[in-house]
Amino acid sequence: MSDFPPCPLCASENTYSDGTLYVCPDCAHEWSPDEPNDAAETDGAVRDANGNLLANGDSVVLIKDLKVKGSSTTLKVGTKIKKIRLVGGDHEVDCKTDAGSFMLKACYLRKS
């Protein structure tokens, strides 16, 4: 069990210190220990893995291979997704790919 705070973007407990910053290896978010933990959630905006604001119609790229639950399909890292739609709930992004329609978490996306 680590003494480091969970990631403010994806809430992963798998964080570590990299000198003066905390790093989340799951979503690649880096933040300062002096930064408030809920800064990303207070404005209600959806942010990608790098902290960029996402909007309806943006194009994004997957930063991690994602296995599709209940299927043998895997969404590969580097897959470009066009014309996303932001929705409420646990999975913030609704999108269509060649493999079908999916709802994804923004912490696995990077704005392109």
N, C-alpha and C. Protein backbone atom coordinates (compact mmCIF):
# COMPACT_ATOMS: atom_id res chain seq x y z
N MET A 1 0.84 -1.17 0.00
CA MET A 1 0.00 0.00 0.00
C MET A 1 0.89 1.25 0.00
N SER A 2 0.62 2.18 -0.92
CA SER A 2 1.47 3.36 -1.03
C SER A 2 0.90 4.53 -0.24
N ASP A 3 1.77 5.49 0.03
CA ASP A 3 1.36 6.69 0.74
C ASP A 3 1.00 7.80 -0.23
N PHE A 4 0.94 7.51 -1.51
CA PHE A 4 0.66 8.52 -2.52
C PHE A 4 -0.85 8.64 -2.75
N PRO A 5 -1.33 9.85 -3.05
CA PRO A 5 -2.77 10.04 -3.26
C PRO A 5 -3.23 9.40 -4.57
N PRO A 6 -4.52 9.05 -4.68
CA PRO A 6 -5.02 8.50 -5.94
C PRO A 6 -5.03 9.56 -7.03
N CYS A 7 -5.04 9.11 -8.27
CA CYS A 7 -5.05 10.03 -9.41
C CYS A 7 -6.34 10.85 -9.41
N PRO A 8 -6.26 12.17 -9.58
CA PRO A 8 -7.47 12.99 -9.59
C PRO A 8 -8.31 12.82 -10.86
N LEU A 9 -7.73 12.26 -11.92
CA LEU A 9 -8.50 12.07 -13.16
C LEU A 9 -9.21 10.73 -13.22
N CYS A 10 -8.47 9.65 -12.97
CA CYS A 10 -9.06 8.32 -13.13
C CYS A 10 -9.26 7.59 -11.81
N ALA A 11 -8.85 8.18 -10.70
CA ALA A 11 -9.00 7.63 -9.35
C ALA A 11 -8.21 6.34 -9.13
N SER A 12 -7.21 6.10 -9.94
CA SER A 12 -6.37 4.91 -9.79
C SER A 12 -5.49 5.06 -8.55
N GLU A 13 -5.35 3.99 -7.80
CA GLU A 13 -4.49 3.97 -6.62
C GLU A 13 -3.03 3.67 -6.98
N ASN A 14 -2.78 3.39 -8.25
CA ASN A 14 -1.47 2.96 -8.74
C ASN A 14 -0.61 4.17 -9.12
N THR A 15 -0.34 5.07 -8.18
CA THR A 15 0.42 6.29 -8.46
C THR A 15 1.79 6.22 -7.80
N TYR A 16 2.70 7.07 -8.29
CA TYR A 16 4.04 7.11 -7.72
C TYR A 16 4.59 8.54 -7.84
N SER A 17 5.67 8.81 -7.13
CA SER A 17 6.32 10.11 -7.16
C SER A 17 7.47 10.09 -8.15
N ASP A 18 7.54 11.14 -8.97
CA ASP A 18 8.63 11.27 -9.94
C ASP A 18 9.31 12.61 -9.68
N GLY A 19 10.07 12.67 -8.61
CA GLY A 19 10.73 13.92 -8.24
C GLY A 19 9.74 14.85 -7.56
N THR A 20 9.35 15.92 -8.25
CA THR A 20 8.44 16.90 -7.67
C THR A 20 6.98 16.68 -8.06
N LEU A 21 6.70 15.71 -8.92
CA LEU A 21 5.33 15.46 -9.40
C LEU A 21 4.88 14.06 -9.03
N TYR A 22 3.55 13.90 -8.90
CA TYR A 22 2.96 12.56 -8.81
C TYR A 22 2.58 12.15 -10.22
N VAL A 23 2.68 10.84 -10.51
CA VAL A 23 2.39 10.32 -11.85
C VAL A 23 1.44 9.14 -11.72
N CYS A 24 0.46 9.09 -12.63
CA CYS A 24 -0.45 7.95 -12.72
C CYS A 24 -0.08 7.16 -13.97
N PRO A 25 0.42 5.92 -13.84
CA PRO A 25 0.80 5.15 -15.02
C PRO A 25 -0.40 4.66 -15.83
N ASP A 26 -1.59 4.65 -15.25
CA ASP A 26 -2.78 4.17 -15.96
C ASP A 26 -3.28 5.17 -16.99
N CYS A 27 -3.34 6.45 -16.62
CA CYS A 27 -3.86 7.46 -17.55
C CYS A 27 -2.81 8.49 -17.95
N ALA A 28 -1.58 8.35 -17.47
CA ALA A 28 -0.45 9.23 -17.81
C ALA A 28 -0.63 10.66 -17.30
N HIS A 29 -1.45 10.86 -16.28
CA HIS A 29 -1.64 12.20 -15.72
C HIS A 29 -0.54 12.49 -14.71
N GLU A 30 -0.02 13.72 -14.77
CA GLU A 30 0.98 14.18 -13.81
C GLU A 30 0.43 15.40 -13.10
N TRP A 31 0.64 15.49 -11.79
CA TRP A 31 0.16 16.63 -11.04
C TRP A 31 1.10 16.93 -9.88
N SER A 32 1.04 18.17 -9.43
CA SER A 32 1.87 18.64 -8.34
C SER A 32 1.22 18.28 -7.01
N PRO A 33 2.01 17.96 -5.99
CA PRO A 33 1.43 17.67 -4.67
C PRO A 33 0.71 18.89 -4.08
N ASP A 34 1.09 20.10 -4.52
CA ASP A 34 0.48 21.32 -4.01
C ASP A 34 -0.88 21.60 -4.67
N GLU A 35 -1.14 20.96 -5.80
CA GLU A 35 -2.38 21.15 -6.55
C GLU A 35 -3.54 20.49 -5.80
N PRO A 36 -4.71 21.13 -5.73
CA PRO A 36 -5.85 20.48 -5.08
C PRO A 36 -6.23 19.19 -5.82
N ASN A 37 -6.59 18.16 -5.07
CA ASN A 37 -6.88 16.85 -5.66
C ASN A 37 -8.11 16.85 -6.55
N ASP A 38 -9.09 17.69 -6.26
CA ASP A 38 -10.32 17.67 -7.04
C ASP A 38 -10.37 18.79 -8.08
N ALA A 39 -9.24 19.30 -8.54
CA ALA A 39 -9.21 20.40 -9.50
C ALA A 39 -9.81 20.00 -10.83
N ALA A 40 -9.63 18.77 -11.27
CA ALA A 40 -10.15 18.34 -12.55
C ALA A 40 -11.65 18.11 -12.50
N GLU A 41 -12.21 17.86 -11.31
CA GLU A 41 -13.62 17.54 -11.20
C GLU A 41 -14.49 18.73 -10.83
N THR A 42 -13.91 19.81 -10.36
CA THR A 42 -14.71 20.92 -9.88
C THR A 42 -15.37 21.71 -10.99
N ASP A 43 -14.76 21.80 -12.17
CA ASP A 43 -15.36 22.59 -13.23
C ASP A 43 -16.36 21.81 -14.06
N GLY A 44 -16.46 20.49 -13.88
CA GLY A 44 -17.44 19.69 -14.60
C GLY A 44 -17.07 19.39 -16.03
N ALA A 45 -15.91 19.83 -16.48
CA ALA A 45 -15.48 19.60 -17.85
C ALA A 45 -14.83 18.22 -17.97
N VAL A 46 -14.92 17.65 -19.16
CA VAL A 46 -14.31 16.35 -19.43
C VAL A 46 -12.92 16.61 -20.00
N ARG A 47 -11.92 15.96 -19.40
CA ARG A 47 -10.54 16.15 -19.82
C ARG A 47 -9.94 14.82 -20.24
N ASP A 48 -9.03 14.88 -21.22
CA ASP A 48 -8.35 13.67 -21.70
C ASP A 48 -7.22 13.30 -20.75
N ALA A 49 -6.43 12.30 -21.11
CA ALA A 49 -5.36 11.81 -20.25
C ALA A 49 -4.29 12.87 -19.99
N ASN A 50 -4.13 13.83 -20.89
CA ASN A 50 -3.13 14.89 -20.72
C ASN A 50 -3.70 16.14 -20.08
N GLY A 51 -4.98 16.14 -19.74
CA GLY A 51 -5.60 17.29 -19.10
C GLY A 51 -6.22 18.29 -20.06
N ASN A 52 -6.24 17.98 -21.36
CA ASN A 52 -6.86 18.88 -22.34
C ASN A 52 -8.37 18.74 -22.29
N LEU A 53 -9.07 19.86 -22.45
CA LEU A 53 -10.53 19.84 -22.47
C LEU A 53 -11.03 19.14 -23.72
N LEU A 54 -12.03 18.29 -23.56
CA LEU A 54 -12.67 17.64 -24.70
C LEU A 54 -14.03 18.29 -24.94
N ALA A 55 -14.43 18.31 -26.21
CA ALA A 55 -15.73 18.86 -26.59
C ALA A 55 -16.38 17.94 -27.61
N ASN A 56 -17.69 18.07 -27.78
CA ASN A 56 -18.39 17.28 -28.79
C ASN A 56 -17.77 17.53 -30.15
N GLY A 57 -17.58 16.46 -30.93
CA GLY A 57 -17.03 16.57 -32.27
C GLY A 57 -15.52 16.49 -32.36
N ASP A 58 -14.83 16.43 -31.23
CA ASP A 58 -13.37 16.32 -31.24
C ASP A 58 -12.92 14.97 -31.77
N SER A 59 -11.67 14.91 -32.22
CA SER A 59 -11.03 13.66 -32.61
C SER A 59 -10.04 13.29 -31.51
N VAL A 60 -10.02 12.01 -31.15
CA VAL A 60 -9.14 11.53 -30.09
C VAL A 60 -8.42 10.27 -30.54
N VAL A 61 -7.38 9.90 -29.78
CA VAL A 61 -6.59 8.70 -30.05
C VAL A 61 -6.53 7.90 -28.76
N LEU A 62 -6.65 6.58 -28.85
CA LEU A 62 -6.52 5.71 -27.67
C LEU A 62 -5.07 5.65 -27.23
N ILE A 63 -4.83 5.71 -25.92
CA ILE A 63 -3.47 5.67 -25.39
C ILE A 63 -3.15 4.31 -24.78
N LYS A 64 -4.13 3.39 -24.82
CA LYS A 64 -3.94 2.08 -24.20
C LYS A 64 -4.83 1.07 -24.93
N ASP A 65 -4.36 -0.18 -25.06
CA ASP A 65 -5.22 -1.24 -25.60
C ASP A 65 -6.37 -1.47 -24.63
N LEU A 66 -7.59 -1.52 -25.16
CA LEU A 66 -8.76 -1.74 -24.33
C LEU A 66 -9.49 -2.99 -24.80
N LYS A 67 -9.65 -3.96 -23.90
CA LYS A 67 -10.41 -5.16 -24.21
C LYS A 67 -11.89 -4.84 -24.07
N VAL A 68 -12.68 -5.27 -25.04
CA VAL A 68 -14.11 -5.03 -25.01
C VAL A 68 -14.76 -6.14 -24.20
N LYS A 69 -15.47 -5.73 -23.16
CA LYS A 69 -16.09 -6.69 -22.25
C LYS A 69 -17.13 -7.54 -22.98
N GLY A 70 -17.08 -8.85 -22.80
CA GLY A 70 -18.03 -9.75 -23.42
C GLY A 70 -17.75 -10.05 -24.88
N SER A 71 -16.56 -9.71 -25.34
CA SER A 71 -16.21 -9.93 -26.74
C SER A 71 -14.72 -10.23 -26.83
N SER A 72 -14.31 -10.78 -27.97
CA SER A 72 -12.88 -11.03 -28.17
C SER A 72 -12.21 -9.84 -28.86
N THR A 73 -12.95 -8.77 -29.08
CA THR A 73 -12.44 -7.57 -29.74
C THR A 73 -11.56 -6.76 -28.80
N THR A 74 -10.49 -6.21 -29.34
CA THR A 74 -9.62 -5.31 -28.59
C THR A 74 -9.46 -4.02 -29.38
N LEU A 75 -9.68 -2.89 -28.72
CA LEU A 75 -9.41 -1.60 -29.35
C LEU A 75 -7.93 -1.31 -29.13
N LYS A 76 -7.19 -1.17 -30.21
CA LYS A 76 -5.73 -1.04 -30.14
C LYS A 76 -5.29 0.38 -29.84
N VAL A 77 -4.14 0.50 -29.19
CA VAL A 77 -3.53 1.79 -28.91
C VAL A 77 -3.25 2.48 -30.25
N GLY A 78 -3.50 3.77 -30.32
CA GLY A 78 -3.27 4.54 -31.53
C GLY A 78 -4.48 4.62 -32.44
N THR A 79 -5.57 3.93 -32.08
CA THR A 79 -6.79 4.00 -32.89
C THR A 79 -7.36 5.41 -32.82
N LYS A 80 -7.57 6.02 -33.97
CA LYS A 80 -8.11 7.37 -34.03
C LYS A 80 -9.63 7.30 -34.07
N ILE A 81 -10.26 8.08 -33.22
CA ILE A 81 -11.72 8.11 -33.13
C ILE A 81 -12.16 9.54 -33.44
N LYS A 82 -13.05 9.67 -34.42
CA LYS A 82 -13.52 10.99 -34.85
C LYS A 82 -14.92 11.25 -34.32
N LYS A 83 -15.24 12.52 -34.17
CA LYS A 83 -16.58 12.98 -33.82
C LYS A 83 -17.12 12.31 -32.55
N ILE A 84 -16.42 12.54 -31.44
CA ILE A 84 -16.89 11.99 -30.17
C ILE A 84 -18.08 12.79 -29.67
N ARG A 85 -18.82 12.18 -28.75
CA ARG A 85 -19.95 12.85 -28.12
C ARG A 85 -19.78 12.68 -26.62
N LEU A 86 -19.86 13.78 -25.87
CA LEU A 86 -19.71 13.74 -24.43
C LEU A 86 -21.05 13.44 -23.78
N VAL A 87 -21.02 12.51 -22.81
CA VAL A 87 -22.23 12.12 -22.08
C VAL A 87 -21.90 12.11 -20.60
N GLY A 88 -22.89 12.09 -19.77
CA GLY A 88 -22.68 12.04 -18.33
C GLY A 88 -22.46 10.61 -17.87
N GLY A 89 -22.04 10.45 -16.64
CA GLY A 89 -21.86 9.12 -16.08
C GLY A 89 -20.41 8.72 -15.96
N ASP A 90 -20.20 7.44 -15.67
CA ASP A 90 -18.86 6.92 -15.44
C ASP A 90 -18.02 6.93 -16.72
N HIS A 91 -18.61 6.60 -17.84
CA HIS A 91 -17.93 6.63 -19.13
C HIS A 91 -18.37 7.90 -19.85
N GLU A 92 -17.44 8.84 -19.99
CA GLU A 92 -17.80 10.19 -20.43
C GLU A 92 -17.92 10.36 -21.93
N VAL A 93 -17.37 9.44 -22.73
CA VAL A 93 -17.28 9.63 -24.18
C VAL A 93 -18.05 8.53 -24.90
N ASP A 94 -18.95 8.93 -25.79
CA ASP A 94 -19.68 8.00 -26.65
C ASP A 94 -19.10 8.16 -28.05
N CYS A 95 -18.77 7.05 -28.72
CA CYS A 95 -18.12 7.14 -30.02
C CYS A 95 -18.44 5.93 -30.88
N LYS A 96 -18.10 6.04 -32.16
CA LYS A 96 -18.25 4.94 -33.10
C LYS A 96 -16.89 4.67 -33.73
N THR A 97 -16.56 3.37 -33.82
CA THR A 97 -15.33 2.95 -34.48
C THR A 97 -15.70 1.89 -35.52
N ASP A 98 -14.70 1.39 -36.22
CA ASP A 98 -14.95 0.32 -37.18
C ASP A 98 -15.46 -0.94 -36.47
N ALA A 99 -15.10 -1.11 -35.20
CA ALA A 99 -15.50 -2.29 -34.43
C ALA A 99 -16.89 -2.15 -33.82
N GLY A 100 -17.50 -0.95 -33.88
CA GLY A 100 -18.84 -0.73 -33.32
C GLY A 100 -18.91 0.54 -32.50
N SER A 101 -20.01 0.69 -31.79
CA SER A 101 -20.22 1.86 -30.92
C SER A 101 -19.77 1.52 -29.51
N PHE A 102 -19.10 2.48 -28.87
CA PHE A 102 -18.57 2.25 -27.54
C PHE A 102 -18.73 3.48 -26.68
N MET A 103 -18.75 3.25 -25.36
CA MET A 103 -18.66 4.32 -24.38
C MET A 103 -17.32 4.13 -23.68
N LEU A 104 -16.50 5.17 -23.68
CA LEU A 104 -15.13 5.08 -23.16
C LEU A 104 -14.91 6.09 -22.05
N LYS A 105 -13.95 5.80 -21.21
CA LYS A 105 -13.51 6.76 -20.19
C LYS A 105 -12.50 7.70 -20.84
N ALA A 106 -12.59 8.97 -20.49
CA ALA A 106 -11.71 9.98 -21.07
C ALA A 106 -10.26 9.79 -20.67
N CYS A 107 -9.99 9.11 -19.57
CA CYS A 107 -8.61 8.92 -19.11
C CYS A 107 -7.82 8.00 -20.04
N TYR A 108 -8.47 7.30 -20.96
CA TYR A 108 -7.77 6.45 -21.92
C TYR A 108 -7.68 7.09 -23.30
N LEU A 109 -7.99 8.36 -23.38
CA LEU A 109 -8.00 9.08 -24.67
C LEU A 109 -7.03 10.25 -24.63
N ARG A 110 -6.52 10.60 -25.81
CA ARG A 110 -5.67 11.77 -25.97
C ARG A 110 -6.22 12.56 -27.15
N LYS A 111 -6.41 13.85 -26.95
CA LYS A 111 -6.93 14.71 -28.02
C LYS A 111 -5.91 14.79 -29.13
N SER A 112 -6.40 14.66 -30.38
CA SER A 112 -5.47 14.72 -31.52
C SER A 112 -5.65 15.99 -32.32
